[in-house]
Full PDB file with SEQRES, HELIX, SHEET, SSBOND, CRYST1, ORIGX, SCALE, CONECT and MASTER records, all heavy atoms in Angstrom:
SEQRES   1 A   41  ILE GLN GLU ILE ALA THR VAL LEU SER ARG ASP GLY LYS          
SEQRES   2 A   41  ILE LYS VAL LEU VAL HIS SER ILE ALA LYS GLY ASN LEU          
SEQRES   3 A   41  LYS PRO MET ARG SER GLY SER GLU LYS ILE LEU GLU ALA          
SEQRES   4 A   41  ALA ASP                                                      
HELIX    1 AA1 GLN A    2  LEU A    8  1                                   7    
CRYST1    1.000    1.000    1.000  90.00  90.00  90.00 P 1           1          
ORIGX1      1.000000  0.000000  0.000000        0.00000                         
ORIGX2      0.000000  1.000000  0.000000        0.00000                         
ORIGX3      0.000000  0.000000  1.000000        0.00000                         
SCALE1      1.000000  0.000000  0.000000        0.00000                         
SCALE2      0.000000  1.000000  0.000000        0.00000                         
SCALE3      0.000000  0.000000  1.000000        0.00000                         
ATOM      1  N   ILE A   1      24.023 113.821  94.094  1.00  0.00           N  
ATOM      2  CA  ILE A   1      23.618 115.107  94.654  1.00  0.00           C  
ATOM      3  C   ILE A   1      22.828 115.914  93.629  1.00  0.00           C  
ATOM      4  O   ILE A   1      21.843 116.585  93.964  1.00  0.00           O  
ATOM      5  CB  ILE A   1      24.853 115.870  95.179  1.00  0.00           C  
ATOM      6  CG1 ILE A   1      25.352 115.178  96.460  1.00  0.00           C  
ATOM      7  CG2 ILE A   1      24.538 117.342  95.447  1.00  0.00           C  
ATOM      8  CD1 ILE A   1      26.634 115.724  97.027  1.00  0.00           C  
ATOM      9  N   GLN A   2      23.200 115.806  92.360  1.00  0.00           N  
ATOM     10  CA  GLN A   2      22.416 116.462  91.311  1.00  0.00           C  
ATOM     11  C   GLN A   2      21.012 115.857  91.230  1.00  0.00           C  
ATOM     12  O   GLN A   2      20.013 116.580  91.082  1.00  0.00           O  
ATOM     13  CB  GLN A   2      23.127 116.326  89.965  1.00  0.00           C  
ATOM     14  CG  GLN A   2      24.410 117.132  89.862  1.00  0.00           C  
ATOM     15  CD  GLN A   2      25.128 116.891  88.538  1.00  0.00           C  
ATOM     16  OE1 GLN A   2      24.777 116.000  87.766  1.00  0.00           O  
ATOM     17  NE2 GLN A   2      26.147 117.688  88.278  1.00  0.00           N  
ATOM     18  N   GLU A   3      20.936 114.526  91.336  1.00  0.00           N  
ATOM     19  CA  GLU A   3      19.627 113.858  91.296  1.00  0.00           C  
ATOM     20  C   GLU A   3      18.779 114.233  92.508  1.00  0.00           C  
ATOM     21  O   GLU A   3      17.573 114.438  92.395  1.00  0.00           O  
ATOM     22  CB  GLU A   3      19.825 112.338  91.243  1.00  0.00           C  
ATOM     23  CG  GLU A   3      20.423 111.830  89.947  1.00  0.00           C  
ATOM     24  CD  GLU A   3      19.502 112.078  88.768  1.00  0.00           C  
ATOM     25  OE1 GLU A   3      18.336 111.652  88.816  1.00  0.00           O  
ATOM     26  OE2 GLU A   3      19.952 112.716  87.788  1.00  0.00           O  
ATOM     27  N   ILE A   4      19.420 114.313  93.666  1.00  0.00           N  
ATOM     28  CA  ILE A   4      18.696 114.686  94.879  1.00  0.00           C  
ATOM     29  C   ILE A   4      18.155 116.105  94.756  1.00  0.00           C  
ATOM     30  O   ILE A   4      17.019 116.389  95.147  1.00  0.00           O  
ATOM     31  CB  ILE A   4      19.608 114.535  96.109  1.00  0.00           C  
ATOM     32  CG1 ILE A   4      19.879 113.042  96.367  1.00  0.00           C  
ATOM     33  CG2 ILE A   4      18.999 115.190  97.340  1.00  0.00           C  
ATOM     34  CD1 ILE A   4      20.988 112.775  97.355  1.00  0.00           C  
ATOM     35  N   ALA A   5      18.957 116.999  94.185  1.00  0.00           N  
ATOM     36  CA  ALA A   5      18.501 118.374  93.977  1.00  0.00           C  
ATOM     37  C   ALA A   5      17.263 118.394  93.088  1.00  0.00           C  
ATOM     38  O   ALA A   5      16.327 119.181  93.308  1.00  0.00           O  
ATOM     39  CB  ALA A   5      19.618 119.210  93.359  1.00  0.00           C  
ATOM     40  N   THR A   6      17.224 117.530  92.096  1.00  0.00           N  
ATOM     41  CA  THR A   6      16.062 117.445  91.208  1.00  0.00           C  
ATOM     42  C   THR A   6      14.840 116.926  91.962  1.00  0.00           C  
ATOM     43  O   THR A   6      13.721 117.426  91.779  1.00  0.00           O  
ATOM     44  CB  THR A   6      16.368 116.522  90.016  1.00  0.00           C  
ATOM     45  OG1 THR A   6      17.482 117.051  89.292  1.00  0.00           O  
ATOM     46  CG2 THR A   6      15.168 116.406  89.087  1.00  0.00           C  
ATOM     47  N   VAL A   7      15.053 115.926  92.811  1.00  0.00           N  
ATOM     48  CA  VAL A   7      13.955 115.379  93.613  1.00  0.00           C  
ATOM     49  C   VAL A   7      13.363 116.460  94.521  1.00  0.00           C  
ATOM     50  O   VAL A   7      12.146 116.591  94.654  1.00  0.00           O  
ATOM     51  CB  VAL A   7      14.441 114.181  94.458  1.00  0.00           C  
ATOM     52  CG1 VAL A   7      13.391 113.780  95.488  1.00  0.00           C  
ATOM     53  CG2 VAL A   7      14.778 112.992  93.567  1.00  0.00           C  
ATOM     54  N   LEU A   8      14.234 117.253  95.117  1.00  0.00           N  
ATOM     55  CA  LEU A   8      13.781 118.275  96.061  1.00  0.00           C  
ATOM     56  C   LEU A   8      13.079 119.427  95.359  1.00  0.00           C  
ATOM     57  O   LEU A   8      12.240 120.102  95.959  1.00  0.00           O  
ATOM     58  CB  LEU A   8      14.968 118.820  96.862  1.00  0.00           C  
ATOM     59  CG  LEU A   8      15.730 117.809  97.722  1.00  0.00           C  
ATOM     60  CD1 LEU A   8      16.885 118.501  98.426  1.00  0.00           C  
ATOM     61  CD2 LEU A   8      14.820 117.153  98.738  1.00  0.00           C  
ATOM     62  N   SER A   9      13.437 119.668  94.098  1.00  0.00           N  
ATOM     63  CA  SER A   9      12.935 120.789  93.297  1.00  0.00           C  
ATOM     64  C   SER A   9      13.208 122.104  94.013  1.00  0.00           C  
ATOM     65  O   SER A   9      14.231 122.271  94.656  1.00  0.00           O  
ATOM     66  CB  SER A   9      11.455 120.598  92.966  1.00  0.00           C  
ATOM     67  OG  SER A   9      10.660 120.681  94.132  1.00  0.00           O  
ATOM     68  N   ARG A  10      12.292 123.046  93.954  1.00  0.00           N  
ATOM     69  CA  ARG A  10      12.567 124.385  94.484  1.00  0.00           C  
ATOM     70  C   ARG A  10      12.429 124.494  95.994  1.00  0.00           C  
ATOM     71  O   ARG A  10      13.226 125.137  96.651  1.00  0.00           O  
ATOM     72  CB  ARG A  10      11.644 125.417  93.821  1.00  0.00           C  
ATOM     73  CG  ARG A  10      11.937 125.659  92.355  1.00  0.00           C  
ATOM     74  CD  ARG A  10      11.048 126.770  91.833  1.00  0.00           C  
ATOM     75  NE  ARG A  10      11.322 127.065  90.426  1.00  0.00           N  
ATOM     76  CZ  ARG A  10      10.689 127.997  89.729  1.00  0.00           C  
ATOM     77  NH1 ARG A  10       9.760 128.732  90.332  1.00  0.00           N  
ATOM     78  NH2 ARG A  10      10.979 128.211  88.465  1.00  0.00           N  
ATOM     79  N   ASP A  11      11.373 123.909  96.552  1.00  0.00           N  
ATOM     80  CA  ASP A  11      11.063 124.180  97.946  1.00  0.00           C  
ATOM     81  C   ASP A  11      11.355 123.039  98.901  1.00  0.00           C  
ATOM     82  O   ASP A  11      11.088 123.143 100.092  1.00  0.00           O  
ATOM     83  CB  ASP A  11       9.593 124.589  98.098  1.00  0.00           C  
ATOM     84  CG  ASP A  11       8.650 123.636  97.375  1.00  0.00           C  
ATOM     85  OD1 ASP A  11       9.143 122.685  96.758  1.00  0.00           O  
ATOM     86  OD2 ASP A  11       7.430 123.861  97.434  1.00  0.00           O  
ATOM     87  N   GLY A  12      11.906 121.938  98.430  1.00  0.00           N  
ATOM     88  CA  GLY A  12      12.272 120.850  99.310  1.00  0.00           C  
ATOM     89  C   GLY A  12      13.684 121.013  99.837  1.00  0.00           C  
ATOM     90  O   GLY A  12      14.550 121.540  99.140  1.00  0.00           O  
ATOM     91  N   LYS A  13      13.917 120.579 101.067  1.00  0.00           N  
ATOM     92  CA  LYS A  13      15.240 120.643 101.673  1.00  0.00           C  
ATOM     93  C   LYS A  13      15.489 119.371 102.483  1.00  0.00           C  
ATOM     94  O   LYS A  13      14.560 118.716 102.950  1.00  0.00           O  
ATOM     95  CB  LYS A  13      15.364 121.858 102.589  1.00  0.00           C  
ATOM     96  CG  LYS A  13      15.340 123.211 101.871  1.00  0.00           C  
ATOM     97  CD  LYS A  13      16.617 123.466 101.086  1.00  0.00           C  
ATOM     98  CE  LYS A  13      16.614 124.849 100.452  1.00  0.00           C  
ATOM     99  NZ  LYS A  13      17.860 125.098  99.675  1.00  0.00           N  
ATOM    100  N   ILE A  14      16.769 119.054 102.659  1.00  0.00           N  
ATOM    101  CA  ILE A  14      17.148 117.931 103.501  1.00  0.00           C  
ATOM    102  C   ILE A  14      17.226 118.414 104.946  1.00  0.00           C  
ATOM    103  O   ILE A  14      18.078 119.222 105.294  1.00  0.00           O  
ATOM    104  CB  ILE A  14      18.504 117.330 103.072  1.00  0.00           C  
ATOM    105  CG1 ILE A  14      18.433 116.789 101.640  1.00  0.00           C  
ATOM    106  CG2 ILE A  14      18.939 116.237 104.056  1.00  0.00           C  
ATOM    107  CD1 ILE A  14      17.521 115.600 101.454  1.00  0.00           C  
ATOM    108  N   LYS A  15      16.338 117.909 105.765  1.00  0.00           N  
ATOM    109  CA  LYS A  15      16.338 118.249 107.192  1.00  0.00           C  
ATOM    110  C   LYS A  15      17.263 117.321 107.978  1.00  0.00           C  
ATOM    111  O   LYS A  15      17.851 117.719 108.986  1.00  0.00           O  
ATOM    112  CB  LYS A  15      14.915 118.139 107.730  1.00  0.00           C  
ATOM    113  CG  LYS A  15      14.773 118.306 109.226  1.00  0.00           C  
ATOM    114  CD  LYS A  15      14.937 119.733 109.661  1.00  0.00           C  
ATOM    115  CE  LYS A  15      14.574 119.883 111.147  1.00  0.00           C  
ATOM    116  NZ  LYS A  15      14.662 121.279 111.596  1.00  0.00           N  
ATOM    117  N   VAL A  16      17.388 116.068 107.499  1.00  0.00           N  
ATOM    118  CA  VAL A  16      18.148 115.058 108.232  1.00  0.00           C  
ATOM    119  C   VAL A  16      19.043 114.290 107.266  1.00  0.00           C  
ATOM    120  O   VAL A  16      18.574 113.820 106.225  1.00  0.00           O  
ATOM    121  CB  VAL A  16      17.209 114.048 108.937  1.00  0.00           C  
ATOM    122  CG1 VAL A  16      18.012 113.128 109.845  1.00  0.00           C  
ATOM    123  CG2 VAL A  16      16.117 114.753 109.709  1.00  0.00           C  
ATOM    124  N   LEU A  17      20.308 114.161 107.624  1.00  0.00           N  
ATOM    125  CA  LEU A  17      21.233 113.295 106.902  1.00  0.00           C  
ATOM    126  C   LEU A  17      21.726 112.231 107.881  1.00  0.00           C  
ATOM    127  O   LEU A  17      22.324 112.555 108.915  1.00  0.00           O  
ATOM    128  CB  LEU A  17      22.423 114.092 106.363  1.00  0.00           C  
ATOM    129  CG  LEU A  17      23.603 113.267 105.806  1.00  0.00           C  
ATOM    130  CD1 LEU A  17      23.167 112.397 104.633  1.00  0.00           C  
ATOM    131  CD2 LEU A  17      24.755 114.174 105.398  1.00  0.00           C  
ATOM    132  N   VAL A  18      21.440 110.975 107.571  1.00  0.00           N  
ATOM    133  CA  VAL A  18      21.880 109.854 108.406  1.00  0.00           C  
ATOM    134  C   VAL A  18      22.933 109.068 107.637  1.00  0.00           C  
ATOM    135  O   VAL A  18      22.655 108.550 106.551  1.00  0.00           O  
ATOM    136  CB  VAL A  18      20.702 108.940 108.786  1.00  0.00           C  
ATOM    137  CG1 VAL A  18      21.202 107.750 109.602  1.00  0.00           C  
ATOM    138  CG2 VAL A  18      19.644 109.710 109.567  1.00  0.00           C  
ATOM    139  N   HIS A  19      24.133 109.001 108.206  1.00  0.00           N  
ATOM    140  CA  HIS A  19      25.244 108.271 107.584  1.00  0.00           C  
ATOM    141  C   HIS A  19      25.312 106.885 108.215  1.00  0.00           C  
ATOM    142  O   HIS A  19      25.634 106.730 109.389  1.00  0.00           O  
ATOM    143  CB  HIS A  19      26.546 109.037 107.821  1.00  0.00           C  
ATOM    144  CG  HIS A  19      27.748 108.433 107.168  1.00  0.00           C  
ATOM    145  ND1 HIS A  19      28.388 107.319 107.674  1.00  0.00           N  
ATOM    146  CD2 HIS A  19      28.445 108.787 106.048  1.00  0.00           C  
ATOM    147  CE1 HIS A  19      29.423 107.024 106.901  1.00  0.00           C  
ATOM    148  NE2 HIS A  19      29.469 107.899 105.911  1.00  0.00           N  
ATOM    149  N   SER A  20      24.995 105.863 107.428  1.00  0.00           N  
ATOM    150  CA  SER A  20      24.976 104.485 107.928  1.00  0.00           C  
ATOM    151  C   SER A  20      25.737 103.564 106.977  1.00  0.00           C  
ATOM    152  O   SER A  20      25.355 102.412 106.769  1.00  0.00           O  
ATOM    153  CB  SER A  20      23.524 104.004 108.078  1.00  0.00           C  
ATOM    154  OG  SER A  20      23.472 102.711 108.635  1.00  0.00           O  
ATOM    155  N   ILE A  21      26.812 104.081 106.397  1.00  0.00           N  
ATOM    156  CA  ILE A  21      27.594 103.304 105.443  1.00  0.00           C  
ATOM    157  C   ILE A  21      28.501 102.332 106.193  1.00  0.00           C  
ATOM    158  O   ILE A  21      29.265 102.737 107.071  1.00  0.00           O  
ATOM    159  CB  ILE A  21      28.426 104.227 104.536  1.00  0.00           C  
ATOM    160  CG1 ILE A  21      27.489 105.079 103.667  1.00  0.00           C  
ATOM    161  CG2 ILE A  21      29.380 103.424 103.663  1.00  0.00           C  
ATOM    162  CD1 ILE A  21      28.197 106.143 102.846  1.00  0.00           C  
ATOM    163  N   ALA A  22      28.407 101.064 105.845  1.00  0.00           N  
ATOM    164  CA  ALA A  22      29.242 100.023 106.450  1.00  0.00           C  
ATOM    165  C   ALA A  22      30.001  99.318 105.334  1.00  0.00           C  
ATOM    166  O   ALA A  22      29.502  98.365 104.736  1.00  0.00           O  
ATOM    167  CB  ALA A  22      28.392  99.039 107.237  1.00  0.00           C  
ATOM    168  N   LYS A  23      31.173  99.832 105.044  1.00  0.00           N  
ATOM    169  CA  LYS A  23      31.984  99.264 103.982  1.00  0.00           C  
ATOM    170  C   LYS A  23      33.445  99.340 104.404  1.00  0.00           C  
ATOM    171  O   LYS A  23      33.978 100.425 104.608  1.00  0.00           O  
ATOM    172  CB  LYS A  23      31.785 100.040 102.667  1.00  0.00           C  
ATOM    173  CG  LYS A  23      32.639  99.534 101.511  1.00  0.00           C  
ATOM    174  CD  LYS A  23      32.399 100.365 100.260  1.00  0.00           C  
ATOM    175  CE  LYS A  23      33.254  99.876  99.100  1.00  0.00           C  
ATOM    176  NZ  LYS A  23      33.033 100.689  97.874  1.00  0.00           N  
ATOM    177  N   GLY A  24      34.061  98.191 104.594  1.00  0.00           N  
ATOM    178  CA  GLY A  24      35.445  98.218 105.043  1.00  0.00           C  
ATOM    179  C   GLY A  24      36.053  96.832 105.109  1.00  0.00           C  
ATOM    180  O   GLY A  24      35.397  95.831 104.779  1.00  0.00           O  
ATOM    181  N   ASN A  25      37.284  96.796 105.550  1.00  0.00           N  
ATOM    182  CA  ASN A  25      38.021  95.529 105.620  1.00  0.00           C  
ATOM    183  C   ASN A  25      38.106  95.028 107.047  1.00  0.00           C  
ATOM    184  O   ASN A  25      38.476  95.771 107.959  1.00  0.00           O  
ATOM    185  CB  ASN A  25      39.430  95.725 105.058  1.00  0.00           C  
ATOM    186  CG  ASN A  25      39.429  95.808 103.541  1.00  0.00           C  
ATOM    187  OD1 ASN A  25      39.036  94.867 102.864  1.00  0.00           O  
ATOM    188  ND2 ASN A  25      39.842  96.940 103.014  1.00  0.00           N  
ATOM    189  N   LEU A  26      37.735  93.767 107.214  1.00  0.00           N  
ATOM    190  CA  LEU A  26      37.781  93.111 108.520  1.00  0.00           C  
ATOM    191  C   LEU A  26      38.876  92.054 108.477  1.00  0.00           C  
ATOM    192  O   LEU A  26      38.621  90.853 108.388  1.00  0.00           O  
ATOM    193  CB  LEU A  26      36.423  92.498 108.844  1.00  0.00           C  
ATOM    194  CG  LEU A  26      35.293  93.509 109.058  1.00  0.00           C  
ATOM    195  CD1 LEU A  26      33.934  92.837 108.966  1.00  0.00           C  
ATOM    196  CD2 LEU A  26      35.457  94.214 110.397  1.00  0.00           C  
ATOM    197  N   LYS A  27      40.107  92.524 108.519  1.00  0.00           N  
ATOM    198  CA  LYS A  27      41.277  91.641 108.463  1.00  0.00           C  
ATOM    199  C   LYS A  27      42.084  91.796 109.749  1.00  0.00           C  
ATOM    200  O   LYS A  27      42.069  92.851 110.380  1.00  0.00           O  
ATOM    201  CB  LYS A  27      42.158  92.006 107.269  1.00  0.00           C  
ATOM    202  CG  LYS A  27      41.509  91.841 105.907  1.00  0.00           C  
ATOM    203  CD  LYS A  27      42.469  92.288 104.814  1.00  0.00           C  
ATOM    204  CE  LYS A  27      41.840  92.207 103.438  1.00  0.00           C  
ATOM    205  NZ  LYS A  27      42.762  92.715 102.386  1.00  0.00           N  
ATOM    206  N   PRO A  28      42.822  90.757 110.121  1.00  0.00           N  
ATOM    207  CA  PRO A  28      43.676  90.871 111.307  1.00  0.00           C  
ATOM    208  C   PRO A  28      44.950  91.643 110.991  1.00  0.00           C  
ATOM    209  O   PRO A  28      45.303  91.842 109.825  1.00  0.00           O  
ATOM    210  CB  PRO A  28      43.996  89.414 111.629  1.00  0.00           C  
ATOM    211  CG  PRO A  28      43.998  88.736 110.292  1.00  0.00           C  
ATOM    212  CD  PRO A  28      42.901  89.425 109.498  1.00  0.00           C  
ATOM    213  N   MET A  29      45.640  92.074 112.038  1.00  0.00           N  
ATOM    214  CA  MET A  29      46.942  92.710 111.865  1.00  0.00           C  
ATOM    215  C   MET A  29      48.070  91.682 111.819  1.00  0.00           C  
ATOM    216  O   MET A  29      49.163  91.983 111.343  1.00  0.00           O  
ATOM    217  CB  MET A  29      47.189  93.712 112.992  1.00  0.00           C  
ATOM    218  CG  MET A  29      46.302  94.941 112.924  1.00  0.00           C  
ATOM    219  SD  MET A  29      46.731  96.123 114.228  1.00  0.00           S  
ATOM    220  CE  MET A  29      45.790  97.554 113.663  1.00  0.00           C  
ATOM    221  N   ARG A  30      47.770  90.488 112.316  1.00  0.00           N  
ATOM    222  CA  ARG A  30      48.772  89.428 112.305  1.00  0.00           C  
ATOM    223  C   ARG A  30      48.071  88.088 112.177  1.00  0.00           C  
ATOM    224  O   ARG A  30      47.082  87.820 112.864  1.00  0.00           O  
ATOM    225  CB  ARG A  30      49.601  89.465 113.592  1.00  0.00           C  
ATOM    226  CG  ARG A  30      50.693  88.424 113.673  1.00  0.00           C  
ATOM    227  CD  ARG A  30      51.556  88.631 114.918  1.00  0.00           C  
ATOM    228  NE  ARG A  30      52.515  87.559 115.093  1.00  0.00           N  
ATOM    229  CZ  ARG A  30      53.674  87.465 114.439  1.00  0.00           C  
ATOM    230  NH1 ARG A  30      54.004  88.407 113.566  1.00  0.00           N  
ATOM    231  NH2 ARG A  30      54.504  86.471 114.652  1.00  0.00           N  
ATOM    232  N   SER A  31      48.541  87.247 111.268  1.00  0.00           N  
ATOM    233  CA  SER A  31      47.931  85.930 111.063  1.00  0.00           C  
ATOM    234  C   SER A  31      48.873  85.045 110.270  1.00  0.00           C  
ATOM    235  O   SER A  31      49.610  85.526 109.396  1.00  0.00           O  
ATOM    236  CB  SER A  31      46.600  86.068 110.315  1.00  0.00           C  
ATOM    237  OG  SER A  31      46.058  84.801 110.015  1.00  0.00           O  
ATOM    238  N   GLY A  32      48.816  83.774 110.572  1.00  0.00           N  
ATOM    239  CA  GLY A  32      49.603  82.814 109.808  1.00  0.00           C  
ATOM    240  C   GLY A  32      48.834  82.234 108.645  1.00  0.00           C  
ATOM    241  O   GLY A  32      49.426  81.550 107.797  1.00  0.00           O  
ATOM    242  N   SER A  33      47.528  82.492 108.578  1.00  0.00           N  
ATOM    243  CA  SER A  33      46.698  81.881 107.533  1.00  0.00           C  
ATOM    244  C   SER A  33      45.844  82.876 106.760  1.00  0.00           C  
ATOM    245  O   SER A  33      45.402  82.570 105.652  1.00  0.00           O  
ATOM    246  CB  SER A  33      45.788  80.822 108.160  1.00  0.00           C  
ATOM    247  OG  SER A  33      44.967  81.403 109.162  1.00  0.00           O  
ATOM    248  N   GLU A  34      45.591  84.051 107.306  1.00  0.00           N  
ATOM    249  CA  GLU A  34      44.725  85.029 106.652  1.00  0.00           C  
ATOM    250  C   GLU A  34      45.545  86.201 106.122  1.00  0.00           C  
ATOM    251  O   GLU A  34      46.653  86.471 106.596  1.00  0.00           O  
ATOM    252  CB  GLU A  34      43.701  85.580 107.653  1.00  0.00           C  
ATOM    253  CG  GLU A  34      42.776  84.555 108.241  1.00  0.00           C  
ATOM    254  CD  GLU A  34      41.849  85.196 109.275  1.00  0.00           C  
ATOM    255  OE1 GLU A  34      40.918  85.906 108.852  1.00  0.00           O  
ATOM    256  OE2 GLU A  34      42.072  85.010 110.481  1.00  0.00           O  
ATOM    257  N   LYS A  35      44.965  86.891 105.137  1.00  0.00           N  
ATOM    258  CA  LYS A  35      45.574  88.137 104.678  1.00  0.00           C  
ATOM    259  C   LYS A  35      45.476  89.173 105.788  1.00  0.00           C  
ATOM    260  O   LYS A  35      44.465  89.252 106.485  1.00  0.00           O  
ATOM    261  CB  LYS A  35      44.869  88.648 103.420  1.00  0.00           C  
ATOM    262  CG  LYS A  35      45.117  87.801 102.187  1.00  0.00           C  
ATOM    263  CD  LYS A  35      44.456  88.431 100.972  1.00  0.00           C  
ATOM    264  CE  LYS A  35      44.737  87.619  99.716  1.00  0.00           C  
ATOM    265  NZ  LYS A  35      44.091  88.219  98.514  1.00  0.00           N  
ATOM    266  N   ILE A  36      46.538  89.938 105.968  1.00  0.00           N  
ATOM    267  CA  ILE A  36      46.535  90.930 107.039  1.00  0.00           C  
ATOM    268  C   ILE A  36      46.303  92.334 106.485  1.00  0.00           C  
ATOM    269  O   ILE A  36      46.403  92.571 105.277  1.00  0.00           O  
ATOM    270  CB  ILE A  36      47.844  90.881 107.848  1.00  0.00           C  
ATOM    271  CG1 ILE A  36      49.051  91.234 106.965  1.00  0.00           C  
ATOM    272  CG2 ILE A  36      48.029  89.516 108.483  1.00  0.00           C  
ATOM    273  CD1 ILE A  36      50.346  91.387 107.750  1.00  0.00           C  
ATOM    274  N   LEU A  37      45.984  93.247 107.373  1.00  0.00           N  
ATOM    275  CA  LEU A  37      45.682  94.618 106.982  1.00  0.00           C  
ATOM    276  C   LEU A  37      46.875  95.293 106.330  1.00  0.00           C  
ATOM    277  O   LEU A  37      48.005  95.207 106.815  1.00  0.00           O  
ATOM    278  CB  LEU A  37      45.252  95.434 108.198  1.00  0.00           C  
ATOM    279  CG  LEU A  37      43.829  95.242 108.699  1.00  0.00           C  
ATOM    280  CD1 LEU A  37      43.658  95.923 110.051  1.00  0.00           C  
ATOM    281  CD2 LEU A  37      42.818  95.781 107.697  1.00  0.00           C  
ATOM    282  N   GLU A  38      46.600  95.965 105.224  1.00  0.00           N  
ATOM    283  CA  GLU A  38      47.596  96.784 104.541  1.00  0.00           C  
ATOM    284  C   GLU A  38      47.123  98.238 104.574  1.00  0.00           C  
ATOM    285  O   GLU A  38      45.964  98.526 104.902  1.00  0.00           O  
ATOM    286  CB  GLU A  38      47.763  96.315 103.092  1.00  0.00           C  
ATOM    287  CG  GLU A  38      48.129  94.857 102.925  1.00  0.00           C  
ATOM    288  CD  GLU A  38      49.555  94.544 103.358  1.00  0.00           C  
ATOM    289  OE1 GLU A  38      50.333  95.503 103.584  1.00  0.00           O  
ATOM    290  OE2 GLU A  38      49.885  93.346 103.473  1.00  0.00           O  
ATOM    291  N   ALA A  39      48.001  99.132 104.190  1.00  0.00           N  
ATOM    292  CA  ALA A  39      47.657 100.558 104.196  1.00  0.00           C  
ATOM    293  C   ALA A  39      46.429 100.828 103.326  1.00  0.00           C  
ATOM    294  O   ALA A  39      45.566 101.643 103.693  1.00  0.00           O  
ATOM    295  CB  ALA A  39      48.842 101.386 103.706  1.00  0.00           C  
ATOM    296  N   ALA A  40      46.322 100.141 102.190  1.00  0.00           N  
ATOM    297  CA  ALA A  40      45.182 100.351 101.292  1.00  0.00           C  
ATOM    298  C   ALA A  40      43.863  99.959 101.956  1.00  0.00           C  
ATOM    299  O   ALA A  40      42.818 100.570 101.691  1.00  0.00           O  
ATOM    300  CB  ALA A  40      45.372  99.550 100.005  1.00  0.00           C  
ATOM    301  N   ASP A  41      43.910  98.950 102.836  1.00  0.00           N  
ATOM    302  CA  ASP A  41      42.699  98.545 103.552  1.00  0.00           C  
ATOM    303  C   ASP A  41      42.230  99.647 104.502  1.00  0.00           C  
ATOM    304  O   ASP A  41      41.030  99.913 104.626  1.00  0.00           O  
ATOM    305  CB  ASP A  41      42.963  97.263 104.346  1.00  0.00           C  
ATOM    306  CG  ASP A  41      43.316  96.086 103.461  1.00  0.00           C  
ATOM    307  OD1 ASP A  41      42.651  95.907 102.427  1.00  0.00           O  
ATOM    308  OD2 ASP A  41      44.244  95.350 103.812  1.00  0.00           O  
TER     309      ASP A  41                                                      
MASTER        0    0    0    1    0    0    0    6  308    1    0    4          
END                                                                             
């Protein structure tokens, strides 16, 4: 955010913020062979 503020300088502003973060765990809740979801996941 500090770097973005520098990029924008004085008169630039963010008109659009698009959140497209895809980071997570794709585990089952029950399985005999795979790791299952835990609270940390």
